[in-house]
Amino acid sequence: MLRAAAHRAALAAGGSGDEPPVTVPRGPAREAARRELSKRMYHENDPGLLQRALNAFWDRVADLLGRAASATPGGAVGLVVVVLCVAAVVAALWWRLGAPRRHPVSTGVLFDDRPRSAAEHRAAADAHAAHGHWNQAVQERMRAIVRSLEERALLDVRAGRTADEAADEAGRTLPAHTDRLRAAAREFDDVTYGGRRAGEQAYHRIAELDRDLERARPSLADSTAGTSHSSSRRTAE
Protein backbone atom coordinates (compact mmCIF):
# COMPACT_ATOMS: atom_id res chain seq x y z
CA MET A 1 0.00 0.00 0.00
CA LEU A 2 2.79 2.40 0.91
CA ARG A 3 4.61 1.63 -2.35
CA ALA A 4 1.44 2.29 -4.31
CA ALA A 5 0.88 5.50 -2.40
CA ALA A 6 4.43 6.63 -3.09
CA HIS A 7 3.94 5.86 -6.76
CA ARG A 8 0.73 7.87 -6.80
CA ALA A 9 2.47 10.68 -4.96
CA ALA A 10 5.24 10.67 -7.55
CA LEU A 11 2.68 10.84 -10.34
CA ALA A 12 0.92 13.67 -8.53
CA ALA A 13 4.20 15.53 -8.16
CA GLY A 14 4.78 15.36 -11.87
CA GLY A 15 5.08 12.96 -14.76
CA SER A 16 3.08 9.94 -15.87
CA GLY A 17 3.58 6.21 -15.96
CA ASP A 18 4.71 6.31 -19.64
CA GLU A 19 7.44 8.87 -19.09
CA PRO A 20 10.80 8.40 -17.40
CA PRO A 21 10.63 8.79 -13.62
CA VAL A 22 11.00 12.31 -12.40
CA THR A 23 13.41 12.98 -9.60
CA VAL A 24 11.53 14.81 -6.82
CA PRO A 25 13.30 16.39 -3.88
CA ARG A 26 12.85 14.57 -0.55
CA GLY A 27 10.80 17.30 1.14
CA PRO A 28 8.11 17.69 -1.54
CA ALA A 29 8.03 13.90 -2.02
CA ARG A 30 7.38 13.37 1.72
CA GLU A 31 4.63 15.97 1.69
CA ALA A 32 3.06 14.44 -1.40
CA ALA A 33 3.14 10.98 0.21
CA ARG A 34 1.54 12.38 3.40
CA ARG A 35 -1.27 13.95 1.41
CA GLU A 36 -1.78 10.74 -0.51
CA LEU A 37 -1.92 8.59 2.64
CA SER A 38 -4.37 10.95 4.29
CA LYS A 39 -7.01 10.08 1.73
CA ARG A 40 -10.05 8.23 3.04
CA MET A 41 -9.51 5.21 0.83
CA TYR A 42 -6.50 4.20 2.94
CA HIS A 43 -8.39 4.38 6.26
CA GLU A 44 -11.64 2.60 5.50
CA ASN A 45 -10.68 -0.41 7.67
CA ASP A 46 -9.06 1.52 10.53
CA PRO A 47 -10.53 0.80 14.01
CA GLY A 48 -12.85 3.40 15.46
CA LEU A 49 -12.10 5.72 18.36
CA LEU A 50 -13.73 3.39 20.91
CA GLN A 51 -11.85 0.37 19.60
CA ARG A 52 -8.55 2.26 19.73
CA ALA A 53 -9.27 3.30 23.32
CA LEU A 54 -10.09 -0.30 24.29
CA ASN A 55 -6.95 -1.55 22.59
CA ALA A 56 -4.87 1.00 24.50
CA PHE A 57 -6.56 0.02 27.78
CA TRP A 58 -5.97 -3.70 27.35
CA ASP A 59 -2.42 -3.07 26.24
CA ARG A 60 -1.91 -1.14 29.47
CA VAL A 61 -3.49 -3.91 31.55
CA ALA A 62 -1.33 -6.52 29.85
CA ASP A 63 1.73 -4.40 30.50
CA LEU A 64 0.88 -4.02 34.20
CA LEU A 65 0.18 -7.74 34.57
CA GLY A 66 3.42 -8.55 32.82
CA ARG A 67 5.36 -6.33 35.20
CA ALA A 68 3.56 -7.82 38.22
CA ALA A 69 4.26 -11.34 37.00
CA SER A 70 7.93 -10.56 36.48
CA ALA A 71 8.17 -9.14 40.01
CA THR A 72 6.34 -12.10 41.62
CA PRO A 73 8.22 -15.29 42.48
CA GLY A 74 7.01 -18.00 40.14
CA GLY A 75 6.00 -15.61 37.40
CA ALA A 76 2.41 -15.71 36.15
CA VAL A 77 1.56 -18.77 38.26
CA GLY A 78 2.84 -17.01 41.39
CA LEU A 79 0.76 -13.94 40.57
CA VAL A 80 -2.39 -16.08 40.25
CA VAL A 81 -1.65 -17.72 43.60
CA VAL A 82 -1.21 -14.31 45.28
CA VAL A 83 -4.49 -13.01 43.81
CA LEU A 84 -6.36 -16.13 44.98
CA CYS A 85 -4.89 -15.82 48.49
CA VAL A 86 -5.95 -12.16 48.72
CA ALA A 87 -9.46 -13.04 47.51
CA ALA A 88 -9.68 -15.83 50.10
CA VAL A 89 -8.65 -13.47 52.92
CA VAL A 90 -11.21 -10.86 51.84
CA ALA A 91 -13.97 -13.50 51.63
CA ALA A 92 -13.06 -14.82 55.09
CA LEU A 93 -13.15 -11.34 56.61
CA TRP A 94 -16.47 -10.59 54.92
CA TRP A 95 -17.96 -13.84 56.23
CA ARG A 96 -16.57 -13.30 59.74
CA LEU A 97 -17.37 -9.59 60.16
CA GLY A 98 -20.34 -9.26 57.84
CA ALA A 99 -21.19 -6.30 55.64
CA PRO A 100 -20.12 -2.88 56.95
CA ARG A 101 -22.91 -1.20 58.88
CA ARG A 102 -23.26 2.44 59.58
CA HIS A 103 -24.11 3.49 63.08
CA PRO A 104 -27.76 4.47 63.31
CA VAL A 105 -28.62 8.03 64.19
CA SER A 106 -32.11 8.46 65.57
CA THR A 107 -33.09 11.56 63.64
CA GLY A 108 -36.41 10.26 62.34
CA VAL A 109 -39.67 10.33 64.21
CA LEU A 110 -41.63 7.38 65.53
CA PHE A 111 -44.93 8.21 63.86
CA ASP A 112 -44.89 9.26 60.24
CA ASP A 113 -48.51 8.75 59.22
CA ARG A 114 -52.00 9.31 60.58
CA PRO A 115 -52.42 8.93 64.35
CA ARG A 116 -53.29 5.37 65.38
CA SER A 117 -54.09 3.86 68.73
CA ALA A 118 -51.84 1.48 70.63
CA ALA A 119 -54.25 -1.35 69.83
CA GLU A 120 -53.97 -0.62 66.11
CA HIS A 121 -50.19 -0.63 66.26
CA ARG A 122 -50.23 -3.93 68.17
CA ALA A 123 -52.55 -5.46 65.60
CA ALA A 124 -50.24 -4.31 62.79
CA ALA A 125 -47.23 -5.73 64.66
CA ASP A 126 -48.93 -9.09 65.12
CA ALA A 127 -49.86 -9.21 61.44
CA HIS A 128 -46.26 -8.53 60.38
CA ALA A 129 -44.98 -11.12 62.86
CA ALA A 130 -47.38 -13.73 61.50
CA HIS A 131 -45.76 -13.30 58.07
CA GLY A 132 -42.22 -13.24 59.44
CA HIS A 133 -41.72 -9.55 58.66
CA TRP A 134 -39.73 -8.92 61.82
CA ASN A 135 -38.43 -5.45 60.94
CA GLN A 136 -41.93 -4.06 60.51
CA ALA A 137 -43.15 -6.02 63.54
CA VAL A 138 -40.46 -4.45 65.75
CA GLN A 139 -41.26 -0.98 64.46
CA GLU A 140 -45.00 -1.31 65.04
CA ARG A 141 -44.55 -2.80 68.50
CA MET A 142 -42.28 0.05 69.57
CA ARG A 143 -44.88 2.51 68.31
CA ALA A 144 -47.52 0.62 70.29
CA ILE A 145 -45.42 1.02 73.45
CA VAL A 146 -45.07 4.76 73.04
CA ARG A 147 -48.71 5.28 72.03
CA SER A 148 -49.86 3.24 75.03
CA LEU A 149 -47.79 5.39 77.40
CA GLU A 150 -49.30 8.50 75.82
CA GLU A 151 -52.81 7.10 76.19
CA ARG A 152 -52.12 6.46 79.88
CA ALA A 153 -50.77 10.02 80.28
CA LEU A 154 -47.35 8.66 81.27
CA LEU A 155 -45.94 10.51 78.28
CA ASP A 156 -47.05 13.83 76.87
CA VAL A 157 -48.49 13.56 73.38
CA ARG A 158 -45.83 15.22 71.26
CA ALA A 159 -45.29 15.12 67.52
CA GLY A 160 -41.78 14.53 66.27
CA ARG A 161 -40.64 12.42 69.21
CA THR A 162 -37.86 9.90 68.46
CA ALA A 163 -37.55 6.42 69.93
CA ASP A 164 -34.57 7.46 72.06
CA GLU A 165 -36.42 10.47 73.44
CA ALA A 166 -39.47 8.36 74.25
CA ALA A 167 -37.31 5.78 76.05
CA ASP A 168 -35.55 8.45 78.13
CA GLU A 169 -38.80 10.21 79.08
CA ALA A 170 -40.61 6.96 79.90
CA GLY A 171 -37.61 5.77 81.91
CA ARG A 172 -37.99 8.71 84.26
CA THR A 173 -41.59 7.70 84.95
CA LEU A 174 -40.96 3.94 84.96
CA PRO A 175 -37.37 3.67 86.20
CA ALA A 176 -37.54 -0.11 86.65
CA HIS A 177 -37.88 -0.49 82.87
CA THR A 178 -35.32 2.13 81.77
CA ASP A 179 -32.75 -0.32 80.40
CA ARG A 180 -35.30 -2.35 78.46
CA LEU A 181 -36.88 0.79 77.04
CA ARG A 182 -33.52 2.01 75.80
CA ALA A 183 -32.72 -1.42 74.35
CA ALA A 184 -36.05 -1.41 72.50
CA ALA A 185 -35.31 2.09 71.17
CA ARG A 186 -31.93 0.92 69.89
CA GLU A 187 -33.57 -2.05 68.20
CA PHE A 188 -36.05 0.30 66.52
CA ASP A 189 -33.23 2.59 65.36
CA ASP A 190 -31.15 -0.33 64.05
CA VAL A 191 -33.89 -1.65 61.78
CA THR A 192 -35.26 1.77 60.80
CA TYR A 193 -32.09 3.78 60.20
CA GLY A 194 -29.18 1.35 60.56
CA GLY A 195 -30.02 -1.07 57.77
CA ARG A 196 -30.04 -4.10 60.08
CA ARG A 197 -32.51 -6.97 60.09
CA ALA A 198 -34.46 -7.88 63.19
CA GLY A 199 -35.19 -11.44 64.22
CA GLU A 200 -38.02 -13.22 65.96
CA GLN A 201 -36.33 -13.01 69.35
CA ALA A 202 -35.95 -9.24 69.07
CA TYR A 203 -39.65 -8.89 68.38
CA HIS A 204 -40.63 -11.13 71.30
CA ARG A 205 -38.43 -9.09 73.66
CA ILE A 206 -40.18 -5.87 72.67
CA ALA A 207 -43.62 -7.52 72.81
CA GLU A 208 -42.86 -8.78 76.32
CA LEU A 209 -41.77 -5.29 77.33
CA ASP A 210 -45.04 -3.93 75.96
CA ARG A 211 -47.04 -6.37 78.07
CA ASP A 212 -44.98 -5.61 81.19
CA LEU A 213 -45.42 -1.86 80.72
CA GLU A 214 -49.20 -2.30 80.52
CA ARG A 215 -49.11 -3.66 84.07
CA ALA A 216 -46.47 -1.26 85.35
CA ARG A 217 -47.31 1.64 87.63
CA PRO A 218 -45.36 4.88 87.58
CA SER A 219 -43.01 5.81 90.39
CA LEU A 220 -44.92 8.21 92.66
CA ALA A 221 -41.95 10.46 93.33
CA ASP A 222 -41.01 10.69 89.67
CA SER A 223 -44.62 11.23 88.66
CA THR A 224 -45.07 14.04 91.20
CA ALA A 225 -41.82 15.65 90.17
CA GLY A 226 -42.79 15.41 86.53
CA THR A 227 -46.19 16.94 87.20
CA SER A 228 -44.65 19.81 89.16
CA HIS A 229 -42.12 20.41 86.40
CA SER A 230 -44.87 20.45 83.75
CA SER A 231 -46.98 22.86 85.84
CA SER A 232 -44.03 25.20 86.36
CA ARG A 233 -43.26 25.12 82.67
CA ARG A 234 -46.86 25.92 81.71
CA THR A 235 -46.90 28.79 84.24
CA ALA A 236 -43.68 30.21 82.80
CA GLU A 237 -45.11 29.97 79.31
C-alpha atoms as a PDB file:
ATOM      1  CA  MET A   1       0.000   0.000   0.000  1.00  0.00           C
ATOM      2  CA  LEU A   2       2.795   2.401   0.909  1.00  0.00           C
ATOM      3  CA  ARG A   3       4.615   1.634  -2.353  1.00  0.00           C
ATOM      4  CA  ALA A   4       1.443   2.290  -4.313  1.00  0.00           C
ATOM      5  CA  ALA A   5       0.882   5.504  -2.402  1.00  0.00           C
ATOM      6  CA  ALA A   6       4.431   6.630  -3.091  1.00  0.00           C
ATOM      7  CA  HIS A   7       3.938   5.859  -6.760  1.00  0.00           C
ATOM      8  CA  ARG A   8       0.730   7.870  -6.804  1.00  0.00           C
ATOM      9  CA  ALA A   9       2.471  10.683  -4.963  1.00  0.00           C
ATOM     10  CA  ALA A  10       5.238  10.671  -7.549  1.00  0.00           C
ATOM     11  CA  LEU A  11       2.685  10.841 -10.338  1.00  0.00           C
ATOM     12  CA  ALA A  12       0.925  13.666  -8.527  1.00  0.00           C
ATOM     13  CA  ALA A  13       4.196  15.534  -8.162  1.00  0.00           C
ATOM     14  CA  GLY A  14       4.784  15.360 -11.874  1.00  0.00           C
ATOM     15  CA  GLY A  15       5.080  12.965 -14.762  1.00  0.00           C
ATOM     16  CA  SER A  16       3.080   9.940 -15.867  1.00  0.00           C
ATOM     17  CA  GLY A  17       3.577   6.212 -15.960  1.00  0.00           C
ATOM     18  CA  ASP A  18       4.709   6.309 -19.639  1.00  0.00           C
ATOM     19  CA  GLU A  19       7.436   8.868 -19.092  1.00  0.00           C
ATOM     20  CA  PRO A  20      10.803   8.403 -17.401  1.00  0.00           C
ATOM     21  CA  PRO A  21      10.627   8.788 -13.617  1.00  0.00           C
ATOM     22  CA  VAL A  22      10.998  12.307 -12.395  1.00  0.00           C
ATOM     23  CA  THR A  23      13.410  12.975  -9.603  1.00  0.00           C
ATOM     24  CA  VAL A  24      11.528  14.809  -6.821  1.00  0.00           C
ATOM     25  CA  PRO A  25      13.304  16.393  -3.876  1.00  0.00           C
ATOM     26  CA  ARG A  26      12.852  14.571  -0.554  1.00  0.00           C
ATOM     27  CA  GLY A  27      10.796  17.299   1.143  1.00  0.00           C
ATOM     28  CA  PRO A  28       8.113  17.694  -1.542  1.00  0.00           C
ATOM     29  CA  ALA A  29       8.027  13.901  -2.019  1.00  0.00           C
ATOM     30  CA  ARG A  30       7.379  13.366   1.719  1.00  0.00           C
ATOM     31  CA  GLU A  31       4.628  15.971   1.690  1.00  0.00           C
ATOM     32  CA  ALA A  32       3.062  14.443  -1.403  1.00  0.00           C
ATOM     33  CA  ALA A  33       3.136  10.983   0.208  1.00  0.00           C
ATOM     34  CA  ARG A  34       1.540  12.384   3.398  1.00  0.00           C
ATOM     35  CA  ARG A  35      -1.272  13.950   1.411  1.00  0.00           C
ATOM     36  CA  GLU A  36      -1.783  10.740  -0.507  1.00  0.00           C
ATOM     37  CA  LEU A  37      -1.916   8.588   2.639  1.00  0.00           C
ATOM     38  CA  SER A  38      -4.374  10.954   4.292  1.00  0.00           C
ATOM     39  CA  LYS A  39      -7.007  10.084   1.733  1.00  0.00           C
ATOM     40  CA  ARG A  40     -10.047   8.227   3.043  1.00  0.00           C
ATOM     41  CA  MET A  41      -9.508   5.210   0.831  1.00  0.00           C
ATOM     42  CA  TYR A  42      -6.496   4.199   2.935  1.00  0.00           C
ATOM     43  CA  HIS A  43      -8.392   4.377   6.257  1.00  0.00           C
ATOM     44  CA  GLU A  44     -11.638   2.597   5.499  1.00  0.00           C
ATOM     45  CA  ASN A  45     -10.678  -0.406   7.670  1.00  0.00           C
ATOM     46  CA  ASP A  46      -9.060   1.521  10.525  1.00  0.00           C
ATOM     47  CA  PRO A  47     -10.526   0.796  14.009  1.00  0.00           C
ATOM     48  CA  GLY A  48     -12.850   3.403  15.460  1.00  0.00           C
ATOM     49  CA  LEU A  49     -12.100   5.718  18.365  1.00  0.00           C
ATOM     50  CA  LEU A  50     -13.729   3.386  20.909  1.00  0.00           C
ATOM     51  CA  GLN A  51     -11.852   0.375  19.604  1.00  0.00           C
ATOM     52  CA  ARG A  52      -8.548   2.263  19.731  1.00  0.00           C
ATOM     53  CA  ALA A  53      -9.275   3.301  23.324  1.00  0.00           C
ATOM     54  CA  LEU A  54     -10.092  -0.297  24.289  1.00  0.00           C
ATOM     55  CA  ASN A  55      -6.955  -1.547  22.593  1.00  0.00           C
ATOM     56  CA  ALA A  56      -4.872   1.001  24.496  1.00  0.00           C
ATOM     57  CA  PHE A  57      -6.556   0.024  27.785  1.00  0.00           C
ATOM     58  CA  TRP A  58      -5.975  -3.703  27.345  1.00  0.00           C
ATOM     59  CA  ASP A  59      -2.416  -3.068  26.245  1.00  0.00           C
ATOM     60  CA  ARG A  60      -1.909  -1.137  29.475  1.00  0.00           C
ATOM     61  CA  VAL A  61      -3.490  -3.909  31.553  1.00  0.00           C
ATOM     62  CA  ALA A  62      -1.331  -6.521  29.851  1.00  0.00           C
ATOM     63  CA  ASP A  63       1.733  -4.398  30.504  1.00  0.00           C
ATOM     64  CA  LEU A  64       0.885  -4.019  34.204  1.00  0.00           C
ATOM     65  CA  LEU A  65       0.177  -7.738  34.570  1.00  0.00           C
ATOM     66  CA  GLY A  66       3.416  -8.547  32.816  1.00  0.00           C
ATOM     67  CA  ARG A  67       5.360  -6.325  35.199  1.00  0.00           C
ATOM     68  CA  ALA A  68       3.561  -7.819  38.222  1.00  0.00           C
ATOM     69  CA  ALA A  69       4.261 -11.339  37.003  1.00  0.00           C
ATOM     70  CA  SER A  70       7.930 -10.559  36.481  1.00  0.00           C
ATOM     71  CA  ALA A  71       8.173  -9.143  40.012  1.00  0.00           C
ATOM     72  CA  THR A  72       6.344 -12.104  41.621  1.00  0.00           C
ATOM     73  CA  PRO A  73       8.218 -15.291  42.485  1.00  0.00           C
ATOM     74  CA  GLY A  74       7.011 -17.997  40.145  1.00  0.00           C
ATOM     75  CA  GLY A  75       6.004 -15.606  37.396  1.00  0.00           C
ATOM     76  CA  ALA A  76       2.410 -15.714  36.146  1.00  0.00           C
ATOM     77  CA  VAL A  77       1.561 -18.765  38.260  1.00  0.00           C
ATOM     78  CA  GLY A  78       2.839 -17.010  41.388  1.00  0.00           C
ATOM     79  CA  LEU A  79       0.765 -13.937  40.570  1.00  0.00           C
ATOM     80  CA  VAL A  80      -2.385 -16.078  40.252  1.00  0.00           C
ATOM     81  CA  VAL A  81      -1.648 -17.723  43.603  1.00  0.00           C
ATOM     82  CA  VAL A  82      -1.209 -14.308  45.281  1.00  0.00           C
ATOM     83  CA  VAL A  83      -4.495 -13.013  43.812  1.00  0.00           C
ATOM     84  CA  LEU A  84      -6.358 -16.133  44.983  1.00  0.00           C
ATOM     85  CA  CYS A  85      -4.894 -15.822  48.493  1.00  0.00           C
ATOM     86  CA  VAL A  86      -5.949 -12.163  48.718  1.00  0.00           C
ATOM     87  CA  ALA A  87      -9.465 -13.043  47.513  1.00  0.00           C
ATOM     88  CA  ALA A  88      -9.684 -15.830  50.104  1.00  0.00           C
ATOM     89  CA  VAL A  89      -8.652 -13.471  52.915  1.00  0.00           C
ATOM     90  CA  VAL A  90     -11.208 -10.857  51.837  1.00  0.00           C
ATOM     91  CA  ALA A  91     -13.966 -13.495  51.633  1.00  0.00           C
ATOM     92  CA  ALA A  92     -13.060 -14.817  55.090  1.00  0.00           C
ATOM     93  CA  LEU A  93     -13.152 -11.343  56.613  1.00  0.00           C
ATOM     94  CA  TRP A  94     -16.472 -10.589  54.923  1.00  0.00           C
ATOM     95  CA  TRP A  95     -17.964 -13.838  56.230  1.00  0.00           C
ATOM     96  CA  ARG A  96     -16.567 -13.297  59.739  1.00  0.00           C
ATOM     97  CA  LEU A  97     -17.370  -9.595  60.156  1.00  0.00           C
ATOM     98  CA  GLY A  98     -20.344  -9.257  57.843  1.00  0.00           C
ATOM     99  CA  ALA A  99     -21.191  -6.301  55.639  1.00  0.00           C
ATOM    100  CA  PRO A 100     -20.122  -2.883  56.950  1.00  0.00           C
ATOM    101  CA  ARG A 101     -22.907  -1.201  58.880  1.00  0.00           C
ATOM    102  CA  ARG A 102     -23.264   2.437  59.577  1.00  0.00           C
ATOM    103  CA  HIS A 103     -24.109   3.494  63.078  1.00  0.00           C
ATOM    104  CA  PRO A 104     -27.757   4.469  63.312  1.00  0.00           C
ATOM    105  CA  VAL A 105     -28.621   8.025  64.187  1.00  0.00           C
ATOM    106  CA  SER A 106     -32.111   8.457  65.567  1.00  0.00           C
ATOM    107  CA  THR A 107     -33.093  11.563  63.642  1.00  0.00           C
ATOM    108  CA  GLY A 108     -36.413  10.256  62.339  1.00  0.00           C
ATOM    109  CA  VAL A 109     -39.670  10.332  64.205  1.00  0.00           C
ATOM    110  CA  LEU A 110     -41.631   7.384  65.530  1.00  0.00           C
ATOM    111  CA  PHE A 111     -44.932   8.207  63.865  1.00  0.00           C
ATOM    112  CA  ASP A 112     -44.890   9.255  60.238  1.00  0.00           C
ATOM    113  CA  ASP A 113     -48.509   8.754  59.218  1.00  0.00           C
ATOM    114  CA  ARG A 114     -52.005   9.311  60.581  1.00  0.00           C
ATOM    115  CA  PRO A 115     -52.424   8.931  64.354  1.00  0.00           C
ATOM    116  CA  ARG A 116     -53.287   5.369  65.376  1.00  0.00           C
ATOM    117  CA  SER A 117     -54.092   3.857  68.732  1.00  0.00           C
ATOM    118  CA  ALA A 118     -51.838   1.484  70.626  1.00  0.00           C
ATOM    119  CA  ALA A 119     -54.250  -1.347  69.831  1.00  0.00           C
ATOM    120  CA  GLU A 120     -53.973  -0.617  66.107  1.00  0.00           C
ATOM    121  CA  HIS A 121     -50.188  -0.627  66.263  1.00  0.00           C
ATOM    122  CA  ARG A 122     -50.229  -3.929  68.170  1.00  0.00           C
ATOM    123  CA  ALA A 123     -52.551  -5.462  65.597  1.00  0.00           C
ATOM    124  CA  ALA A 124     -50.240  -4.308  62.792  1.00  0.00           C
ATOM    125  CA  ALA A 125     -47.227  -5.727  64.659  1.00  0.00           C
ATOM    126  CA  ASP A 126     -48.929  -9.092  65.119  1.00  0.00           C
ATOM    127  CA  ALA A 127     -49.861  -9.210  61.437  1.00  0.00           C
ATOM    128  CA  HIS A 128     -46.262  -8.533  60.378  1.00  0.00           C
ATOM    129  CA  ALA A 129     -44.978 -11.117  62.859  1.00  0.00           C
ATOM    130  CA  ALA A 130     -47.377 -13.735  61.498  1.00  0.00           C
ATOM    131  CA  HIS A 131     -45.759 -13.304  58.069  1.00  0.00           C
ATOM    132  CA  GLY A 132     -42.216 -13.239  59.436  1.00  0.00           C
ATOM    133  CA  HIS A 133     -41.720  -9.545  58.662  1.00  0.00           C
ATOM    134  CA  TRP A 134     -39.725  -8.916  61.822  1.00  0.00           C
ATOM    135  CA  ASN A 135     -38.427  -5.451  60.940  1.00  0.00           C
ATOM    136  CA  GLN A 136     -41.932  -4.064  60.510  1.00  0.00           C
ATOM    137  CA  ALA A 137     -43.153  -6.016  63.535  1.00  0.00           C
ATOM    138  CA  VAL A 138     -40.462  -4.448  65.745  1.00  0.00           C
ATOM    139  CA  GLN A 139     -41.262  -0.976  64.459  1.00  0.00           C
ATOM    140  CA  GLU A 140     -45.004  -1.307  65.037  1.00  0.00           C
ATOM    141  CA  ARG A 141     -44.552  -2.797  68.498  1.00  0.00           C
ATOM    142  CA  MET A 142     -42.276   0.052  69.568  1.00  0.00           C
ATOM    143  CA  ARG A 143     -44.884   2.509  68.313  1.00  0.00           C
ATOM    144  CA  ALA A 144     -47.520   0.622  70.292  1.00  0.00           C
ATOM    145  CA  ILE A 145     -45.423   1.017  73.448  1.00  0.00           C
ATOM    146  CA  VAL A 146     -45.067   4.757  73.044  1.00  0.00           C
ATOM    147  CA  ARG A 147     -48.708   5.277  72.034  1.00  0.00           C
ATOM    148  CA  SER A 148     -49.862   3.235  75.030  1.00  0.00           C
ATOM    149  CA  LEU A 149     -47.786   5.391  77.397  1.00  0.00           C
ATOM    150  CA  GLU A 150     -49.299   8.498  75.822  1.00  0.00           C
ATOM    151  CA  GLU A 151     -52.809   7.105  76.190  1.00  0.00           C
ATOM    152  CA  ARG A 152     -52.116   6.462  79.883  1.00  0.00           C
ATOM    153  CA  ALA A 153     -50.766  10.023  80.282  1.00  0.00           C
ATOM    154  CA  LEU A 154     -47.354   8.664  81.272  1.00  0.00           C
ATOM    155  CA  LEU A 155     -45.937  10.511  78.280  1.00  0.00           C
ATOM    156  CA  ASP A 156     -47.049  13.830  76.870  1.00  0.00           C
ATOM    157  CA  VAL A 157     -48.494  13.557  73.381  1.00  0.00           C
ATOM    158  CA  ARG A 158     -45.831  15.221  71.256  1.00  0.00           C
ATOM    159  CA  ALA A 159     -45.291  15.121  67.522  1.00  0.00           C
ATOM    160  CA  GLY A 160     -41.776  14.525  66.270  1.00  0.00           C
ATOM    161  CA  ARG A 161     -40.639  12.424  69.213  1.00  0.00           C
ATOM    162  CA  THR A 162     -37.864   9.903  68.459  1.00  0.00           C
ATOM    163  CA  ALA A 163     -37.553   6.424  69.930  1.00  0.00           C
ATOM    164  CA  ASP A 164     -34.573   7.460  72.058  1.00  0.00           C
ATOM    165  CA  GLU A 165     -36.424  10.471  73.436  1.00  0.00           C
ATOM    166  CA  ALA A 166     -39.468   8.358  74.246  1.00  0.00           C
ATOM    167  CA  ALA A 167     -37.311   5.782  76.046  1.00  0.00           C
ATOM    168  CA  ASP A 168     -35.550   8.454  78.129  1.00  0.00           C
ATOM    169  CA  GLU A 169     -38.797  10.211  79.077  1.00  0.00           C
ATOM    170  CA  ALA A 170     -40.607   6.962  79.901  1.00  0.00           C
ATOM    171  CA  GLY A 171     -37.611   5.766  81.911  1.00  0.00           C
ATOM    172  CA  ARG A 172     -37.993   8.710  84.259  1.00  0.00           C
ATOM    173  CA  THR A 173     -41.593   7.704  84.949  1.00  0.00           C
ATOM    174  CA  LEU A 174     -40.962   3.944  84.958  1.00  0.00           C
ATOM    175  CA  PRO A 175     -37.369   3.672  86.205  1.00  0.00           C
ATOM    176  CA  ALA A 176     -37.536  -0.106  86.648  1.00  0.00           C
ATOM    177  CA  HIS A 177     -37.877  -0.487  82.866  1.00  0.00           C
ATOM    178  CA  THR A 178     -35.320   2.128  81.775  1.00  0.00           C
ATOM    179  CA  ASP A 179     -32.751  -0.317  80.403  1.00  0.00           C
ATOM    180  CA  ARG A 180     -35.301  -2.349  78.465  1.00  0.00           C
ATOM    181  CA  LEU A 181     -36.879   0.792  77.043  1.00  0.00           C
ATOM    182  CA  ARG A 182     -33.517   2.006  75.796  1.00  0.00           C
ATOM    183  CA  ALA A 183     -32.718  -1.424  74.347  1.00  0.00           C
ATOM    184  CA  ALA A 184     -36.052  -1.407  72.500  1.00  0.00           C
ATOM    185  CA  ALA A 185     -35.313   2.089  71.170  1.00  0.00           C
ATOM    186  CA  ARG A 186     -31.926   0.923  69.893  1.00  0.00           C
ATOM    187  CA  GLU A 187     -33.566  -2.053  68.199  1.00  0.00           C
ATOM    188  CA  PHE A 188     -36.050   0.299  66.523  1.00  0.00           C
ATOM    189  CA  ASP A 189     -33.226   2.589  65.362  1.00  0.00           C
ATOM    190  CA  ASP A 190     -31.155  -0.331  64.053  1.00  0.00           C
ATOM    191  CA  VAL A 191     -33.893  -1.646  61.778  1.00  0.00           C
ATOM    192  CA  THR A 192     -35.260   1.768  60.795  1.00  0.00           C
ATOM    193  CA  TYR A 193     -32.094   3.779  60.198  1.00  0.00           C
ATOM    194  CA  GLY A 194     -29.177   1.352  60.560  1.00  0.00           C
ATOM    195  CA  GLY A 195     -30.020  -1.074  57.771  1.00  0.00           C
ATOM    196  CA  ARG A 196     -30.037  -4.102  60.079  1.00  0.00           C
ATOM    197  CA  ARG A 197     -32.515  -6.974  60.087  1.00  0.00           C
ATOM    198  CA  ALA A 198     -34.463  -7.876  63.195  1.00  0.00           C
ATOM    199  CA  GLY A 199     -35.192 -11.437  64.222  1.00  0.00           C
ATOM    200  CA  GLU A 200     -38.019 -13.221  65.959  1.00  0.00           C
ATOM    201  CA  GLN A 201     -36.329 -13.009  69.354  1.00  0.00           C
ATOM    202  CA  ALA A 202     -35.947  -9.243  69.074  1.00  0.00           C
ATOM    203  CA  TYR A 203     -39.653  -8.892  68.378  1.00  0.00           C
ATOM    204  CA  HIS A 204     -40.631 -11.126  71.296  1.00  0.00           C
ATOM    205  CA  ARG A 205     -38.435  -9.095  73.662  1.00  0.00           C
ATOM    206  CA  ILE A 206     -40.176  -5.866  72.671  1.00  0.00           C
ATOM    207  CA  ALA A 207     -43.615  -7.517  72.807  1.00  0.00           C
ATOM    208  CA  GLU A 208     -42.864  -8.777  76.319  1.00  0.00           C
ATOM    209  CA  LEU A 209     -41.772  -5.286  77.332  1.00  0.00           C
ATOM    210  CA  ASP A 210     -45.044  -3.930  75.961  1.00  0.00           C
ATOM    211  CA  ARG A 211     -47.039  -6.374  78.070  1.00  0.00           C
ATOM    212  CA  ASP A 212     -44.982  -5.610  81.190  1.00  0.00           C
ATOM    213  CA  LEU A 213     -45.424  -1.862  80.718  1.00  0.00           C
ATOM    214  CA  GLU A 214     -49.196  -2.296  80.522  1.00  0.00           C
ATOM    215  CA  ARG A 215     -49.110  -3.660  84.069  1.00  0.00           C
ATOM    216  CA  ALA A 216     -46.470  -1.258  85.352  1.00  0.00           C
ATOM    217  CA  ARG A 217     -47.314   1.641  87.630  1.00  0.00           C
ATOM    218  CA  PRO A 218     -45.358   4.881  87.577  1.00  0.00           C
ATOM    219  CA  SER A 219     -43.012   5.809  90.386  1.00  0.00           C
ATOM    220  CA  LEU A 220     -44.919   8.212  92.656  1.00  0.00           C
ATOM    221  CA  ALA A 221     -41.953  10.462  93.332  1.00  0.00           C
ATOM    222  CA  ASP A 222     -41.009  10.695  89.667  1.00  0.00           C
ATOM    223  CA  SER A 223     -44.620  11.235  88.664  1.00  0.00           C
ATOM    224  CA  THR A 224     -45.065  14.043  91.202  1.00  0.00           C
ATOM    225  CA  ALA A 225     -41.818  15.652  90.169  1.00  0.00           C
ATOM    226  CA  GLY A 226     -42.786  15.408  86.527  1.00  0.00           C
ATOM    227  CA  THR A 227     -46.190  16.942  87.196  1.00  0.00           C
ATOM    228  CA  SER A 228     -44.653  19.812  89.162  1.00  0.00           C
ATOM    229  CA  HIS A 229     -42.119  20.407  86.398  1.00  0.00           C
ATOM    230  CA  SER A 230     -44.867  20.453  83.752  1.00  0.00           C
ATOM    231  CA  SER A 231     -46.979  22.858  85.839  1.00  0.00           C
ATOM    232  CA  SER A 232     -44.032  25.197  86.360  1.00  0.00           C
ATOM    233  CA  ARG A 233     -43.262  25.122  82.668  1.00  0.00           C
ATOM    234  CA  ARG A 234     -46.859  25.922  81.711  1.00  0.00           C
ATOM    235  CA  THR A 235     -46.902  28.786  84.236  1.00  0.00           C
ATOM    236  CA  ALA A 236     -43.677  30.206  82.804  1.00  0.00           C
ATOM    237  CA  GLU A 237     -45.114  29.972  79.314  1.00  0.00           C
END
